[in-house]
Amino acid sequence: MNTRVAKINGLIQDILNNIILKDLSLKEGVFITISKVDTTSDLRYTRVSVSIFPEREIKYAVKTLEHELYKMQGTLNRKLHMKPLPKIEFRVDMTESRADEIEKLLREI
């Protein structure tokens, strides 16, 4: 990955983190964190991996992100001073869940 894309990934992660913390209204006890941002080399698409806690609220959190996507995209577009503006796409990152399962299996051995 070139340094420009890496800087853009970091900037997008910071902006989206602020939006999630300040503007996204979630049920009490539901947390969304951005674990990874991956922008294509042509800067047209950004895949945002999110971790959601607790796991039983994944459907609710994904539905909330999808509902607020247009608004979040608009805020991101206003804050990024570049062309083209990458289109964001959210994906649920299940890494922590898998790590917990592996750790649980290892304890049983």
N, C-alpha and C. Protein backbone atom coordinates (compact mmCIF):
# COMPACT_ATOMS: atom_id res chain seq x y z
N MET A 1 0.85 -1.17 0.00
CA MET A 1 0.00 0.00 0.00
C MET A 1 0.90 1.23 0.00
N ASN A 2 0.58 2.20 -0.86
CA ASN A 2 1.41 3.39 -0.89
C ASN A 2 1.07 4.32 0.27
N THR A 3 1.96 5.27 0.51
CA THR A 3 1.80 6.13 1.69
C THR A 3 0.58 7.04 1.59
N ARG A 4 0.21 7.45 0.38
CA ARG A 4 -0.97 8.31 0.24
C ARG A 4 -2.22 7.56 0.68
N VAL A 5 -2.38 6.34 0.22
CA VAL A 5 -3.55 5.55 0.60
C VAL A 5 -3.54 5.28 2.10
N ALA A 6 -2.36 5.02 2.67
CA ALA A 6 -2.26 4.78 4.11
C ALA A 6 -2.69 6.03 4.90
N LYS A 7 -2.28 7.20 4.45
CA LYS A 7 -2.68 8.44 5.12
C LYS A 7 -4.18 8.67 5.00
N ILE A 8 -4.72 8.40 3.82
CA ILE A 8 -6.16 8.55 3.61
C ILE A 8 -6.93 7.57 4.50
N ASN A 9 -6.45 6.34 4.62
CA ASN A 9 -7.09 5.36 5.51
C ASN A 9 -7.13 5.87 6.94
N GLY A 10 -6.01 6.42 7.41
CA GLY A 10 -5.96 6.96 8.77
C GLY A 10 -6.92 8.12 8.96
N LEU A 11 -6.97 9.00 7.97
CA LEU A 11 -7.86 10.16 8.05
C LEU A 11 -9.33 9.72 8.05
N ILE A 12 -9.67 8.79 7.18
CA ILE A 12 -11.05 8.28 7.12
C ILE A 12 -11.41 7.61 8.44
N GLN A 13 -10.48 6.84 9.01
CA GLN A 13 -10.76 6.18 10.29
C GLN A 13 -11.01 7.21 11.38
N ASP A 14 -10.21 8.26 11.44
CA ASP A 14 -10.41 9.31 12.45
C ASP A 14 -11.77 9.99 12.29
N ILE A 15 -12.11 10.35 11.05
CA ILE A 15 -13.37 11.04 10.80
C ILE A 15 -14.56 10.14 11.16
N LEU A 16 -14.52 8.89 10.72
CA LEU A 16 -15.64 7.98 11.00
C LEU A 16 -15.74 7.66 12.49
N ASN A 17 -14.60 7.53 13.18
CA ASN A 17 -14.63 7.32 14.63
C ASN A 17 -15.35 8.48 15.32
N ASN A 18 -15.04 9.71 14.92
CA ASN A 18 -15.70 10.87 15.51
C ASN A 18 -17.20 10.87 15.22
N ILE A 19 -17.57 10.51 14.00
CA ILE A 19 -18.99 10.46 13.64
C ILE A 19 -19.71 9.41 14.50
N ILE A 20 -19.10 8.23 14.63
CA ILE A 20 -19.73 7.16 15.42
C ILE A 20 -19.86 7.57 16.88
N LEU A 21 -18.84 8.21 17.43
CA LEU A 21 -18.88 8.62 18.83
C LEU A 21 -19.87 9.75 19.09
N LYS A 22 -19.90 10.74 18.21
CA LYS A 22 -20.67 11.96 18.48
C LYS A 22 -22.05 11.99 17.84
N ASP A 23 -22.18 11.45 16.65
CA ASP A 23 -23.42 11.63 15.90
C ASP A 23 -24.32 10.40 15.82
N LEU A 24 -23.76 9.24 16.01
CA LEU A 24 -24.54 8.01 15.87
C LEU A 24 -25.23 7.70 17.20
N SER A 25 -26.54 7.60 17.16
CA SER A 25 -27.27 7.30 18.40
C SER A 25 -27.52 5.80 18.47
N LEU A 26 -26.85 5.17 19.43
CA LEU A 26 -26.96 3.73 19.65
C LEU A 26 -27.64 3.47 20.98
N LYS A 27 -28.19 2.28 21.11
CA LYS A 27 -28.75 1.86 22.40
C LYS A 27 -27.63 1.87 23.44
N GLU A 28 -28.02 2.08 24.67
CA GLU A 28 -27.04 2.06 25.75
C GLU A 28 -26.40 0.68 25.84
N GLY A 29 -25.08 0.67 25.96
CA GLY A 29 -24.35 -0.59 26.09
C GLY A 29 -23.90 -1.20 24.78
N VAL A 30 -24.20 -0.55 23.65
CA VAL A 30 -23.76 -1.04 22.34
C VAL A 30 -22.58 -0.19 21.89
N PHE A 31 -21.51 -0.87 21.52
CA PHE A 31 -20.29 -0.17 21.11
C PHE A 31 -19.87 -0.62 19.72
N ILE A 32 -19.50 0.36 18.89
CA ILE A 32 -18.98 0.09 17.56
C ILE A 32 -17.59 0.71 17.48
N THR A 33 -16.61 -0.10 17.12
CA THR A 33 -15.26 0.42 16.93
C THR A 33 -14.78 0.04 15.54
N ILE A 34 -14.01 0.93 14.96
CA ILE A 34 -13.45 0.67 13.63
C ILE A 34 -12.13 -0.05 13.82
N SER A 35 -12.05 -1.27 13.29
CA SER A 35 -10.83 -2.06 13.45
C SER A 35 -9.89 -1.92 12.27
N LYS A 36 -10.43 -1.60 11.09
CA LYS A 36 -9.57 -1.49 9.91
C LYS A 36 -10.28 -0.68 8.84
N VAL A 37 -9.49 0.12 8.11
CA VAL A 37 -9.99 0.86 6.96
C VAL A 37 -9.10 0.51 5.79
N ASP A 38 -9.72 0.12 4.69
CA ASP A 38 -8.97 -0.29 3.51
C ASP A 38 -9.55 0.40 2.28
N THR A 39 -8.80 1.35 1.73
CA THR A 39 -9.23 2.10 0.55
C THR A 39 -8.56 1.52 -0.68
N THR A 40 -9.31 1.41 -1.76
CA THR A 40 -8.74 0.89 -3.00
C THR A 40 -7.71 1.87 -3.55
N SER A 41 -6.80 1.37 -4.37
CA SER A 41 -5.72 2.21 -4.89
C SER A 41 -6.24 3.33 -5.80
N ASP A 42 -7.41 3.14 -6.41
CA ASP A 42 -7.98 4.21 -7.25
C ASP A 42 -8.82 5.20 -6.42
N LEU A 43 -8.88 4.99 -5.09
CA LEU A 43 -9.54 5.86 -4.12
C LEU A 43 -11.06 5.98 -4.33
N ARG A 44 -11.66 5.01 -4.97
CA ARG A 44 -13.10 5.08 -5.23
C ARG A 44 -13.93 4.38 -4.14
N TYR A 45 -13.35 3.42 -3.46
CA TYR A 45 -14.09 2.65 -2.45
C TYR A 45 -13.26 2.49 -1.18
N THR A 46 -13.95 2.52 -0.06
CA THR A 46 -13.31 2.29 1.23
C THR A 46 -14.11 1.24 1.98
N ARG A 47 -13.45 0.15 2.33
CA ARG A 47 -14.07 -0.91 3.12
C ARG A 47 -13.70 -0.66 4.58
N VAL A 48 -14.71 -0.49 5.41
CA VAL A 48 -14.51 -0.19 6.83
C VAL A 48 -14.94 -1.41 7.64
N SER A 49 -13.98 -2.02 8.34
CA SER A 49 -14.28 -3.17 9.20
C SER A 49 -14.59 -2.66 10.60
N VAL A 50 -15.73 -3.08 11.12
CA VAL A 50 -16.15 -2.63 12.45
C VAL A 50 -16.32 -3.82 13.39
N SER A 51 -15.94 -3.60 14.64
CA SER A 51 -16.19 -4.58 15.70
C SER A 51 -17.39 -4.07 16.49
N ILE A 52 -18.28 -4.97 16.83
CA ILE A 52 -19.50 -4.60 17.54
C ILE A 52 -19.58 -5.40 18.83
N PHE A 53 -19.85 -4.69 19.92
CA PHE A 53 -19.98 -5.33 21.22
C PHE A 53 -21.26 -4.83 21.86
N PRO A 54 -22.04 -5.67 22.43
CA PRO A 54 -21.97 -7.12 22.51
C PRO A 54 -22.42 -7.76 21.18
N GLU A 55 -21.99 -8.98 21.00
CA GLU A 55 -22.27 -9.68 19.74
C GLU A 55 -23.76 -9.85 19.47
N ARG A 56 -24.55 -9.97 20.50
CA ARG A 56 -25.99 -10.17 20.30
C ARG A 56 -26.65 -8.94 19.66
N GLU A 57 -25.94 -7.81 19.62
CA GLU A 57 -26.49 -6.58 19.04
C GLU A 57 -25.95 -6.29 17.64
N ILE A 58 -25.32 -7.29 17.01
CA ILE A 58 -24.72 -7.07 15.69
C ILE A 58 -25.78 -6.64 14.68
N LYS A 59 -26.92 -7.33 14.64
CA LYS A 59 -27.97 -6.98 13.66
C LYS A 59 -28.44 -5.54 13.87
N TYR A 60 -28.67 -5.18 15.13
CA TYR A 60 -29.11 -3.82 15.44
C TYR A 60 -28.07 -2.79 14.99
N ALA A 61 -26.80 -3.04 15.31
CA ALA A 61 -25.73 -2.10 14.98
C ALA A 61 -25.55 -1.96 13.47
N VAL A 62 -25.60 -3.08 12.76
CA VAL A 62 -25.46 -3.05 11.30
C VAL A 62 -26.63 -2.28 10.68
N LYS A 63 -27.83 -2.52 11.18
CA LYS A 63 -29.01 -1.81 10.67
C LYS A 63 -28.86 -0.30 10.91
N THR A 64 -28.34 0.07 12.08
CA THR A 64 -28.13 1.48 12.40
C THR A 64 -27.09 2.09 11.47
N LEU A 65 -25.98 1.38 11.23
CA LEU A 65 -24.96 1.88 10.32
C LEU A 65 -25.52 2.04 8.91
N GLU A 66 -26.29 1.07 8.45
CA GLU A 66 -26.88 1.16 7.11
C GLU A 66 -27.86 2.33 7.02
N HIS A 67 -28.63 2.54 8.08
CA HIS A 67 -29.60 3.63 8.10
C HIS A 67 -28.90 4.99 8.06
N GLU A 68 -27.77 5.11 8.71
CA GLU A 68 -27.04 6.38 8.80
C GLU A 68 -25.94 6.52 7.75
N LEU A 69 -25.81 5.55 6.86
CA LEU A 69 -24.72 5.54 5.88
C LEU A 69 -24.70 6.79 5.01
N TYR A 70 -25.85 7.20 4.50
CA TYR A 70 -25.91 8.36 3.62
C TYR A 70 -25.42 9.62 4.34
N LYS A 71 -25.88 9.80 5.56
CA LYS A 71 -25.48 10.95 6.37
C LYS A 71 -23.99 10.90 6.69
N MET A 72 -23.49 9.72 7.05
CA MET A 72 -22.07 9.56 7.36
C MET A 72 -21.22 9.81 6.12
N GLN A 73 -21.67 9.32 4.97
CA GLN A 73 -20.95 9.53 3.72
C GLN A 73 -20.87 11.03 3.41
N GLY A 74 -21.96 11.75 3.61
CA GLY A 74 -21.98 13.19 3.37
C GLY A 74 -21.02 13.93 4.27
N THR A 75 -21.00 13.58 5.55
CA THR A 75 -20.07 14.21 6.49
C THR A 75 -18.63 13.92 6.09
N LEU A 76 -18.35 12.68 5.73
CA LEU A 76 -17.01 12.31 5.29
C LEU A 76 -16.62 13.10 4.05
N ASN A 77 -17.53 13.21 3.09
CA ASN A 77 -17.24 13.94 1.85
C ASN A 77 -16.93 15.41 2.12
N ARG A 78 -17.64 16.02 3.07
CA ARG A 78 -17.38 17.43 3.40
C ARG A 78 -16.02 17.62 4.06
N LYS A 79 -15.58 16.62 4.83
CA LYS A 79 -14.32 16.76 5.56
C LYS A 79 -13.10 16.36 4.75
N LEU A 80 -13.30 15.51 3.76
CA LEU A 80 -12.18 15.11 2.90
C LEU A 80 -12.10 16.11 1.75
N HIS A 81 -10.95 16.68 1.57
CA HIS A 81 -10.76 17.64 0.48
C HIS A 81 -9.95 16.96 -0.61
N MET A 82 -10.62 16.08 -1.34
CA MET A 82 -9.93 15.31 -2.38
C MET A 82 -10.94 14.84 -3.42
N LYS A 83 -10.42 14.44 -4.53
CA LYS A 83 -11.21 13.82 -5.59
C LYS A 83 -10.44 12.60 -6.06
N PRO A 84 -11.04 11.48 -6.35
CA PRO A 84 -12.45 11.17 -6.11
C PRO A 84 -12.70 10.95 -4.62
N LEU A 85 -13.94 11.05 -4.24
CA LEU A 85 -14.33 10.78 -2.86
C LEU A 85 -14.70 9.31 -2.74
N PRO A 86 -14.03 8.58 -1.84
CA PRO A 86 -14.30 7.14 -1.74
C PRO A 86 -15.69 6.86 -1.14
N LYS A 87 -16.34 5.87 -1.70
CA LYS A 87 -17.64 5.42 -1.21
C LYS A 87 -17.39 4.41 -0.09
N ILE A 88 -18.01 4.63 1.08
CA ILE A 88 -17.75 3.74 2.21
C ILE A 88 -18.70 2.55 2.21
N GLU A 89 -18.15 1.44 2.67
CA GLU A 89 -18.89 0.19 2.80
C GLU A 89 -18.47 -0.43 4.13
N PHE A 90 -19.44 -0.78 4.97
CA PHE A 90 -19.14 -1.35 6.27
C PHE A 90 -19.17 -2.87 6.21
N ARG A 91 -18.25 -3.48 6.95
CA ARG A 91 -18.21 -4.94 7.12
C ARG A 91 -17.98 -5.23 8.60
N VAL A 92 -18.62 -6.27 9.07
CA VAL A 92 -18.44 -6.67 10.48
C VAL A 92 -17.17 -7.49 10.60
N ASP A 93 -16.31 -7.10 11.51
CA ASP A 93 -15.05 -7.80 11.77
C ASP A 93 -15.29 -8.78 12.92
N MET A 94 -15.20 -10.06 12.63
CA MET A 94 -15.46 -11.09 13.63
C MET A 94 -14.17 -11.64 14.24
N THR A 95 -13.06 -10.95 14.07
CA THR A 95 -11.76 -11.43 14.55
C THR A 95 -11.77 -11.67 16.06
N GLU A 96 -12.30 -10.72 16.82
CA GLU A 96 -12.32 -10.88 18.28
C GLU A 96 -13.17 -12.07 18.70
N SER A 97 -14.28 -12.25 18.03
CA SER A 97 -15.16 -13.38 18.34
C SER A 97 -14.45 -14.70 18.08
N ARG A 98 -13.77 -14.78 16.94
CA ARG A 98 -13.03 -16.01 16.61
C ARG A 98 -11.89 -16.24 17.60
N ALA A 99 -11.22 -15.18 17.99
CA ALA A 99 -10.13 -15.31 18.96
C ALA A 99 -10.66 -15.83 20.30
N ASP A 100 -11.82 -15.34 20.71
CA ASP A 100 -12.44 -15.82 21.95
C ASP A 100 -12.78 -17.30 21.86
N GLU A 101 -13.30 -17.72 20.70
CA GLU A 101 -13.64 -19.14 20.51
C GLU A 101 -12.39 -20.01 20.58
N ILE A 102 -11.31 -19.58 19.94
CA ILE A 102 -10.06 -20.35 19.95
C ILE A 102 -9.50 -20.42 21.36
N GLU A 103 -9.54 -19.29 22.06
CA GLU A 103 -9.04 -19.26 23.44
C GLU A 103 -9.85 -20.21 24.32
N LYS A 104 -11.15 -20.24 24.13
CA LYS A 104 -12.03 -21.13 24.90
C LYS A 104 -11.68 -22.59 24.61
N LEU A 105 -11.46 -22.92 23.34
CA LEU A 105 -11.09 -24.29 22.96
C LEU A 105 -9.74 -24.68 23.56
N LEU A 106 -8.80 -23.75 23.56
CA LEU A 106 -7.47 -24.04 24.12
C LEU A 106 -7.54 -24.29 25.62
N ARG A 107 -8.42 -23.59 26.31
CA ARG A 107 -8.58 -23.80 27.75
C ARG A 107 -9.14 -25.18 28.06
N GLU A 108 -9.97 -25.69 27.14
CA GLU A 108 -10.58 -27.00 27.35
C GLU A 108 -9.59 -28.14 27.18
N ILE A 109 -8.50 -27.89 26.47
CA ILE A 109 -7.52 -28.96 26.20
C ILE A 109 -6.72 -29.28 27.43
